[in-house]
Protein backbone atom coordinates (compact mmCIF):
# COMPACT_ATOMS: atom_id res chain seq x y z
CA MET A 1 39.50 -48.92 -69.41
CA SER A 2 40.17 -48.78 -65.95
CA ASP A 3 42.82 -46.28 -64.29
CA PRO A 4 46.23 -47.79 -64.20
CA GLU A 5 47.21 -45.45 -61.38
CA PRO A 6 45.31 -45.90 -57.78
CA ALA A 7 42.88 -43.08 -57.48
CA GLU A 8 44.26 -42.09 -53.99
CA GLY A 9 46.30 -38.72 -53.01
CA GLU A 10 49.32 -38.61 -50.58
CA PHE A 11 50.77 -35.59 -48.83
CA SER A 12 53.86 -35.90 -46.40
CA CYS A 13 56.23 -32.84 -45.17
CA SER A 14 59.03 -32.04 -42.72
CA SER A 15 56.41 -32.22 -39.89
CA PRO A 16 55.68 -35.60 -38.65
CA ALA A 17 52.21 -34.04 -36.94
CA LEU A 18 51.07 -32.34 -40.14
CA THR A 19 51.61 -35.58 -42.38
CA GLU A 20 50.33 -37.30 -39.51
CA ALA A 21 47.20 -35.42 -39.41
CA TRP A 22 47.12 -35.10 -42.98
CA HIS A 23 46.67 -39.24 -43.08
CA ARG A 24 44.03 -39.00 -40.14
CA GLY A 25 42.38 -36.97 -42.49
CA LYS A 26 42.26 -39.12 -45.10
CA GLU A 27 40.90 -41.98 -42.65
CA ALA A 28 38.13 -39.43 -41.67
CA VAL A 29 37.06 -39.34 -45.56
CA ARG A 30 37.06 -42.68 -45.87
CA ARG A 31 34.76 -43.20 -42.47
CA PHE A 32 32.59 -40.66 -43.15
CA SER A 33 31.84 -41.01 -46.68
CA PRO A 34 28.99 -43.46 -46.50
CA PRO A 35 25.87 -41.92 -46.65
CA ASP A 36 24.48 -42.24 -42.98
CA GLN A 37 27.65 -41.21 -41.59
CA PHE A 38 28.15 -38.54 -44.18
CA HIS A 39 24.49 -37.07 -43.30
CA ALA A 40 24.58 -37.42 -39.60
CA LEU A 41 27.24 -34.75 -39.70
CA PRO A 42 26.73 -30.62 -39.53
CA ALA A 43 26.37 -29.28 -43.37
CA ALA A 44 29.40 -26.86 -42.49
CA MET A 45 31.30 -30.26 -41.47
CA GLN A 46 29.92 -32.00 -44.71
CA ARG A 47 32.08 -29.59 -46.67
CA ILE A 48 34.66 -29.90 -45.09
CA VAL A 49 34.67 -33.73 -45.14
CA ALA A 50 33.83 -33.00 -49.13
CA LEU A 51 37.00 -30.72 -49.38
CA ALA A 52 39.21 -33.47 -48.21
CA ALA A 53 37.94 -35.99 -50.14
CA TYR A 54 38.97 -34.28 -53.82
CA GLN A 55 42.37 -34.11 -52.32
CA CYS A 56 42.40 -37.62 -51.05
CA PHE A 57 40.16 -39.75 -53.63
CA ARG A 58 38.96 -39.64 -56.64
CA GLY A 59 35.19 -40.70 -56.85
CA ILE A 60 35.13 -41.57 -53.36
CA LEU A 61 32.21 -39.26 -52.63
CA SER A 62 29.08 -39.54 -54.39
CA PRO A 63 27.20 -36.78 -56.13
CA ALA A 64 24.19 -37.87 -54.38
CA LEU A 65 25.21 -37.19 -50.72
CA LEU A 66 25.32 -33.42 -51.62
CA ASP A 67 21.73 -33.65 -53.59
CA ARG A 68 19.68 -33.42 -49.79
CA THR A 69 17.96 -30.30 -49.09
CA HIS A 70 18.41 -29.13 -45.45
CA ALA A 71 15.78 -27.51 -43.18
CA ASN A 72 17.62 -24.27 -42.58
CA ARG A 73 18.69 -21.60 -44.76
CA GLU A 74 22.12 -21.07 -43.73
CA ASP A 75 22.73 -24.88 -44.47
CA GLU A 76 21.34 -24.73 -47.68
CA LEU A 77 23.82 -21.82 -48.50
CA VAL A 78 26.61 -23.96 -47.27
CA ARG A 79 25.00 -26.58 -49.62
CA VAL A 80 25.29 -23.63 -52.50
CA LEU A 81 29.01 -23.67 -51.75
CA ALA A 82 29.42 -27.45 -51.59
CA ILE A 83 28.06 -28.03 -55.29
CA ASP A 84 30.48 -25.47 -56.65
CA ASP A 85 33.28 -27.43 -54.56
CA HIS A 86 32.21 -30.30 -56.48
CA TYR A 87 31.90 -28.90 -60.41
CA THR A 88 35.19 -26.98 -59.48
CA PHE A 89 37.37 -30.30 -58.42
CA THR A 90 35.87 -33.05 -60.75
CA GLY A 91 34.20 -31.35 -63.79
CA ASP A 92 31.10 -32.87 -63.54
CA SER A 93 27.86 -30.05 -64.08
CA LEU A 94 25.10 -33.15 -63.93
CA LEU A 95 24.78 -32.12 -59.89
CA LEU A 96 24.78 -28.41 -60.55
CA ARG A 97 22.34 -28.57 -63.37
CA CYS A 98 19.88 -30.78 -61.33
CA ASN A 99 19.86 -28.59 -58.09
CA TYR A 100 19.96 -25.45 -60.07
CA ASP A 101 16.39 -24.46 -59.25
CA ARG A 102 17.49 -25.07 -55.42
CA ILE A 103 20.14 -22.37 -55.90
CA ARG A 104 18.27 -19.76 -57.01
CA LEU A 105 15.63 -20.33 -54.19
CA ALA A 106 18.59 -20.25 -51.66
CA VAL A 107 19.88 -16.99 -52.70
CA GLY A 108 16.92 -15.66 -53.89
CA GLU A 109 15.33 -15.04 -50.69
CA ARG A 110 15.81 -11.53 -49.41
CA GLY A 111 17.13 -9.89 -46.16
CA LEU A 112 20.14 -10.92 -44.60
CA PRO A 113 20.93 -13.72 -41.93
CA ALA A 114 22.34 -12.86 -38.66
CA GLY A 115 25.93 -13.56 -37.95
CA PRO A 116 28.31 -15.45 -40.16
CA GLY A 117 24.75 -16.44 -42.15
CA ALA A 118 24.92 -12.89 -44.15
CA PHE A 119 28.51 -13.40 -45.13
CA LEU A 120 27.60 -17.08 -46.44
CA ALA A 121 24.68 -15.44 -48.12
CA TYR A 122 27.13 -13.11 -50.03
CA ALA A 123 29.15 -15.53 -50.86
CA ALA A 124 26.71 -17.94 -52.04
CA LEU A 125 25.33 -15.22 -54.49
CA ARG A 126 28.72 -14.64 -55.94
CA ILE A 127 28.88 -18.57 -56.52
CA ALA A 128 25.51 -18.54 -58.07
CA GLY A 129 26.63 -15.76 -60.67
CA ARG A 130 29.43 -17.61 -61.64
CA LEU A 131 27.22 -20.98 -62.00
CA ALA A 132 24.33 -19.47 -63.94
CA LEU A 133 26.92 -18.80 -66.90
CA HIS A 134 27.42 -22.82 -66.95
CA VAL A 135 23.61 -23.14 -67.21
CA ASP A 136 23.15 -20.32 -69.88
CA SER A 137 21.35 -18.08 -67.71
CA LYS A 138 22.98 -14.80 -67.97
CA TYR A 139 20.34 -12.91 -66.92
CA ASP A 140 20.24 -14.79 -63.45
CA SER A 141 24.23 -14.21 -63.67
CA ASN A 142 23.85 -10.81 -64.00
CA ALA A 143 21.23 -10.43 -61.38
CA PHE A 144 23.27 -12.38 -58.75
CA HIS A 145 26.50 -9.82 -59.50
CA LEU A 146 23.99 -7.06 -58.90
CA ARG A 147 22.51 -8.38 -55.53
CA ALA A 148 26.27 -9.42 -54.71
CA ILE A 149 27.57 -5.93 -54.68
CA GLU A 150 24.54 -4.20 -53.17
CA MET A 151 24.85 -7.20 -50.12
CA LYS A 152 29.21 -6.15 -49.82
CA ARG A 153 28.18 -2.69 -49.42
CA ASP A 154 25.82 -3.32 -46.77
CA LEU A 155 28.25 -6.04 -45.06
CA ALA A 156 31.53 -3.82 -45.57
CA ARG A 157 30.98 -2.46 -41.52
CA PRO A 158 32.74 -4.03 -38.39
CA ALA A 159 30.02 -3.48 -36.59
CA ASP A 160 28.19 -6.67 -38.92
CA SER A 161 30.89 -9.01 -37.81
CA PRO A 162 31.51 -9.31 -34.41
CA ASP A 163 32.10 -12.77 -34.16
CA ARG A 164 35.11 -14.91 -35.34
CA LEU A 165 33.85 -16.51 -37.93
CA SER A 166 32.15 -13.64 -39.91
CA GLN A 167 35.14 -12.06 -39.86
CA ALA A 168 36.77 -14.60 -41.07
CA LEU A 169 34.13 -15.04 -43.93
CA GLY A 170 34.64 -11.25 -44.56
CA VAL A 171 38.12 -11.18 -45.37
CA ALA A 172 38.04 -14.78 -46.99
CA TYR A 173 35.21 -13.55 -49.32
CA GLY A 174 36.89 -10.08 -49.87
CA VAL A 175 33.85 -7.57 -48.03
CA PHE A 176 36.62 -5.69 -46.09
CA PRO A 177 38.95 -3.03 -47.58
CA ALA A 178 42.42 -4.53 -47.60
CA GLU A 179 43.91 -2.70 -44.54
CA MET A 180 40.73 -3.98 -42.63
CA SER A 181 41.33 -7.61 -43.83
CA LEU A 182 44.92 -7.97 -42.96
CA ARG A 183 43.99 -6.34 -39.15
CA LEU A 184 41.26 -8.81 -38.84
CA ALA A 185 43.24 -11.58 -40.20
CA ASP A 186 46.15 -10.80 -37.58
CA GLU A 187 43.56 -10.69 -34.92
CA LEU A 188 42.42 -13.95 -35.64
CA PHE A 189 46.06 -15.73 -35.34
CA SER A 190 46.17 -13.85 -32.04
CA GLU A 191 43.52 -15.47 -30.49
CA PRO A 192 43.71 -19.08 -29.02
CA VAL A 193 41.80 -21.72 -31.14
CA ARG A 194 39.52 -23.41 -28.33
CA ALA A 195 37.30 -25.33 -31.22
CA VAL A 196 37.37 -26.83 -34.98
CA GLY A 197 35.25 -23.73 -35.87
CA ASP A 198 37.38 -21.17 -34.71
CA LEU A 199 40.57 -23.43 -36.41
CA PHE A 200 38.15 -23.25 -39.84
CA ALA A 201 37.58 -19.59 -39.55
CA ALA A 202 41.51 -18.44 -39.01
CA LEU A 203 42.33 -20.97 -42.31
CA LEU A 204 39.60 -19.56 -44.07
CA ALA A 205 41.31 -16.00 -43.71
CA ALA A 206 44.80 -17.49 -43.91
CA ASP A 207 45.74 -16.37 -47.63
CA ILE A 208 46.46 -13.15 -46.12
CA VAL A 209 48.82 -14.59 -43.63
CA ARG A 210 50.15 -17.96 -44.86
CA ARG A 211 52.91 -18.57 -42.70
CA ARG A 212 51.00 -18.05 -39.68
CA ALA A 213 48.39 -20.06 -40.52
CA LEU A 214 50.84 -23.01 -40.82
CA GLU A 215 52.33 -22.32 -37.80
CA ARG A 216 48.56 -22.55 -36.15
CA LEU A 217 48.09 -25.94 -38.02
CA GLU A 218 51.13 -27.52 -36.71
CA GLY A 219 49.97 -26.45 -33.41
CA ALA A 220 46.51 -27.82 -33.82
CA ALA A 221 48.10 -31.06 -34.72
CA ARG A 222 49.27 -31.86 -31.67
CA GLU A 223 46.13 -31.55 -30.15
CA PRO A 224 43.70 -34.72 -29.54
CA ARG A 225 40.60 -32.45 -29.66
CA PHE A 226 41.35 -31.44 -33.27
CA LEU A 227 42.47 -35.42 -34.54
CA GLU A 228 38.82 -36.71 -33.24
CA GLY A 229 35.86 -37.58 -35.67
CA ALA A 230 35.67 -36.12 -38.80
CA SER A 231 37.65 -32.74 -37.60
CA PRO A 232 41.09 -34.02 -39.28
CA ALA A 233 39.66 -33.63 -42.64
CA LEU A 234 40.20 -29.87 -42.02
CA PHE A 235 44.04 -30.56 -42.30
CA SER A 236 44.03 -32.83 -45.66
CA TRP A 237 42.22 -30.27 -47.58
CA TYR A 238 44.47 -27.36 -45.90
CA LEU A 239 47.47 -29.04 -46.53
CA SER A 240 47.12 -30.44 -50.42
CA THR A 241 45.42 -26.96 -51.59
CA ARG A 242 47.39 -24.18 -49.67
CA VAL A 243 51.19 -26.23 -48.92
CA LEU A 244 51.48 -28.54 -52.02
CA GLY A 245 49.18 -25.69 -53.44
CA VAL A 246 47.42 -28.09 -56.03
CA THR A 247 44.25 -26.82 -57.06
CA PRO A 248 41.52 -26.48 -60.22
CA MET A 249 41.49 -23.50 -62.00
CA GLU A 250 38.96 -24.44 -64.17
CA PRO A 251 36.53 -26.79 -63.58
CA GLY A 252 38.14 -30.74 -63.61
CA TYR A 253 41.47 -29.51 -63.50
CA ARG A 254 41.21 -28.25 -67.33
CA THR A 255 43.86 -25.98 -66.01
CA ILE A 256 45.95 -26.82 -62.78
CA GLY A 257 47.26 -24.50 -60.59
CA VAL A 258 50.81 -25.42 -58.53
CA ALA A 259 51.60 -22.94 -55.87
CA PRO A 260 53.83 -24.64 -53.17
CA ALA A 261 53.70 -22.35 -49.90
CA LEU A 262 56.14 -24.26 -47.47
CA GLY A 263 56.02 -21.51 -44.46
CA HIS A 264 58.96 -22.90 -42.08
CA LEU A 265 58.79 -26.32 -43.58
CA ALA A 266 61.86 -27.72 -45.34
CA GLN A 267 60.15 -29.82 -47.55
CA ALA A 268 56.39 -31.40 -48.39
CA SER A 269 55.80 -33.66 -51.18
CA GLY A 270 52.41 -35.51 -52.48
CA SER A 271 49.77 -35.93 -55.16
CA VAL A 272 46.42 -34.88 -55.91
CA PRO A 273 43.81 -37.11 -57.47
CA ALA A 274 42.46 -35.03 -60.12
CA PRO A 275 40.21 -36.53 -63.18
CA ALA A 276 42.74 -36.57 -65.88
CA GLY A 277 45.56 -38.68 -63.56
CA HIS A 278 47.55 -37.39 -60.67
CA VAL A 279 49.21 -34.29 -60.26
CA THR A 280 52.53 -34.35 -58.37
CA ALA A 281 54.64 -32.31 -56.20
CA SER A 282 57.57 -32.52 -54.45
CA CYS A 283 59.34 -29.28 -52.74
CA GLU A 284 62.42 -28.45 -50.84
CA SER A 285 63.60 -25.00 -49.52
CA ARG A 286 67.11 -24.58 -48.26
CA ASP A 287 69.77 -22.52 -47.61
CA GLY A 288 67.98 -19.85 -49.93
CA ALA A 289 67.85 -22.33 -52.61
CA PHE A 290 63.70 -23.69 -53.68
CA ARG A 291 63.15 -26.80 -55.81
CA ALA A 292 60.33 -28.30 -56.45
CA ASP A 293 59.48 -31.44 -58.79
CA ILE A 294 55.77 -31.52 -60.78
CA GLY A 295 54.35 -33.82 -62.25
CA ILE A 296 51.10 -32.71 -64.96
CA PRO A 297 48.61 -35.82 -66.47
CA GLU A 298 47.83 -35.15 -69.82
CA GLY A 299 44.98 -33.30 -71.43
CA SER A 300 45.86 -30.38 -68.47
CA LEU A 301 47.76 -27.38 -68.61
CA ALA A 302 49.14 -25.91 -65.60
CA SER A 303 50.55 -22.69 -64.13
CA VAL A 304 53.26 -23.47 -61.62
CA SER A 305 54.18 -20.80 -59.81
CA LEU A 306 57.19 -20.66 -57.39
CA PRO A 307 58.30 -18.26 -54.46
CA VAL A 308 61.18 -15.93 -54.94
CA CYS A 309 63.15 -16.92 -52.21
CA ARG A 310 65.71 -14.13 -52.10
CA LYS A 311 65.11 -10.25 -53.18
CA SER A 312 67.81 -10.46 -55.62
CA TYR A 313 67.67 -11.41 -58.97
CA PRO A 314 66.69 -15.49 -58.86
CA ARG A 315 67.91 -17.77 -61.67
CA VAL A 316 65.80 -20.90 -62.44
CA THR A 317 66.50 -23.67 -63.86
CA CYS A 318 63.75 -26.26 -65.25
CA ASN A 319 65.09 -30.05 -66.62
CA GLY A 320 68.48 -28.47 -66.19
CA ALA A 321 67.92 -26.10 -68.74
CA ALA A 322 67.82 -22.48 -68.02
CA VAL A 323 64.27 -20.73 -68.10
CA TRP A 324 64.47 -17.45 -65.94
CA GLU A 325 67.47 -15.25 -65.76
CA GLU A 326 67.51 -11.20 -64.42
CA ASN A 327 63.53 -10.95 -64.10
CA ILE A 328 62.84 -12.27 -67.55
CA PRO A 329 61.73 -16.03 -68.95
CA LEU A 330 64.07 -17.62 -71.07
CA ARG A 331 61.80 -19.17 -73.56
CA GLY A 332 62.64 -22.52 -75.35
CA GLY A 333 65.14 -23.34 -72.40
CA CYS A 334 62.96 -26.30 -71.35
CA ARG A 335 60.63 -28.17 -73.41
CA GLY A 336 56.74 -27.67 -72.17
CA ILE A 337 57.02 -24.27 -70.65
CA ILE A 338 55.10 -22.15 -72.98
CA ASP A 339 55.28 -18.65 -71.01
CA GLY A 340 56.52 -17.07 -67.80
CA GLU A 341 55.76 -13.93 -65.56
CA ILE A 342 56.84 -12.61 -62.19
CA ALA A 343 54.38 -10.55 -60.37
CA ALA A 344 53.89 -10.76 -56.12
CA GLY A 345 56.84 -12.18 -54.65
CA ARG A 346 56.16 -15.03 -57.48
CA ILE A 347 57.75 -16.78 -60.87
CA THR A 348 55.20 -18.87 -62.56
CA PHE A 349 55.34 -20.40 -65.59
CA LEU A 350 52.64 -22.01 -67.75
CA VAL A 351 53.29 -25.42 -68.81
CA ARG A 352 52.23 -28.46 -70.84
CA PRO A 353 51.55 -31.83 -69.58
CA GLY A 354 55.34 -33.72 -68.36
CA SER A 355 57.39 -34.04 -65.67
CA TYR A 356 59.39 -30.46 -64.18
CA ALA A 357 62.58 -30.39 -62.50
CA PHE A 358 62.57 -26.93 -61.06
CA GLU A 359 65.37 -25.19 -59.49
CA GLN A 360 65.96 -22.03 -58.11
CA ILE A 361 68.80 -20.09 -56.74
CA GLU A 362 70.09 -16.78 -56.00
CA SER A 363 71.89 -15.26 -59.44
């Protein structure tokens, strides 16, 4: 049976520059998805285009594009990350199973590459440890995790991360202690962005300083050099996964994460073409209130995480019924909501498939 929905994602927000940049990224994915165009890109840019493709289109990216051995070790490590991305976003394990021996070879080489390659090696080892469980190799998983622990100890020193990308990778992959990560992330956003690689590096570390990342991204969206070639794909990936906040919490979106983070934006809306159907989100923040209309396709559960707008106790309604008050969930108020909790400045609800209109006001 054919899919009745168009297999394309969408995005718009209160910033015209960011909206246009997202759509330029979508066109870049379309332009660079043919094999000859895709393989002409550097391995790191191939991964960025692939990450954007999962937000913009369902099925446009052939798994065969990622089934290619690279000449140098760093590119092979990037390919391990790209194979993990493919499995995470699509739920299709065939590429992983066909390439598992190559993954073992890529992460099995002893000795750390120089600069950013050392942090890529650490990330690839961590990922390989998780992927090994999906091919029923618990022995490999344990071995990879033990090596990753040893490598993290060797990397967690400032002297090992002199360049911007190394610092960003160290922050993104949790190599450094929390205080050092916060300082390094702050430094990344205090320096000018001269190239797409600098912007990508800053965004990798952005979960610690999310608001500053969005402001930096909006500035870059107004500069033509960041809107050329395959570079705009960076905007499509970041805005869908970090601003709309739609991500797979299990491979193939079996459990969906929706954690909108508007930052300085007043409004953002869009959809992501998950395998089971479109995940939709339309969010608005104004005058201390936050509204989010969320759509979850059949066959999936979702964790919907809303920011707490004010320090005092918030009150949250869903489809007109109270579901959160006095810092506790009100069970049974809205059909489809299973449970709720508050942590780290966000209220999170576990929900079944359906449509949900959340509204948060100060109680």
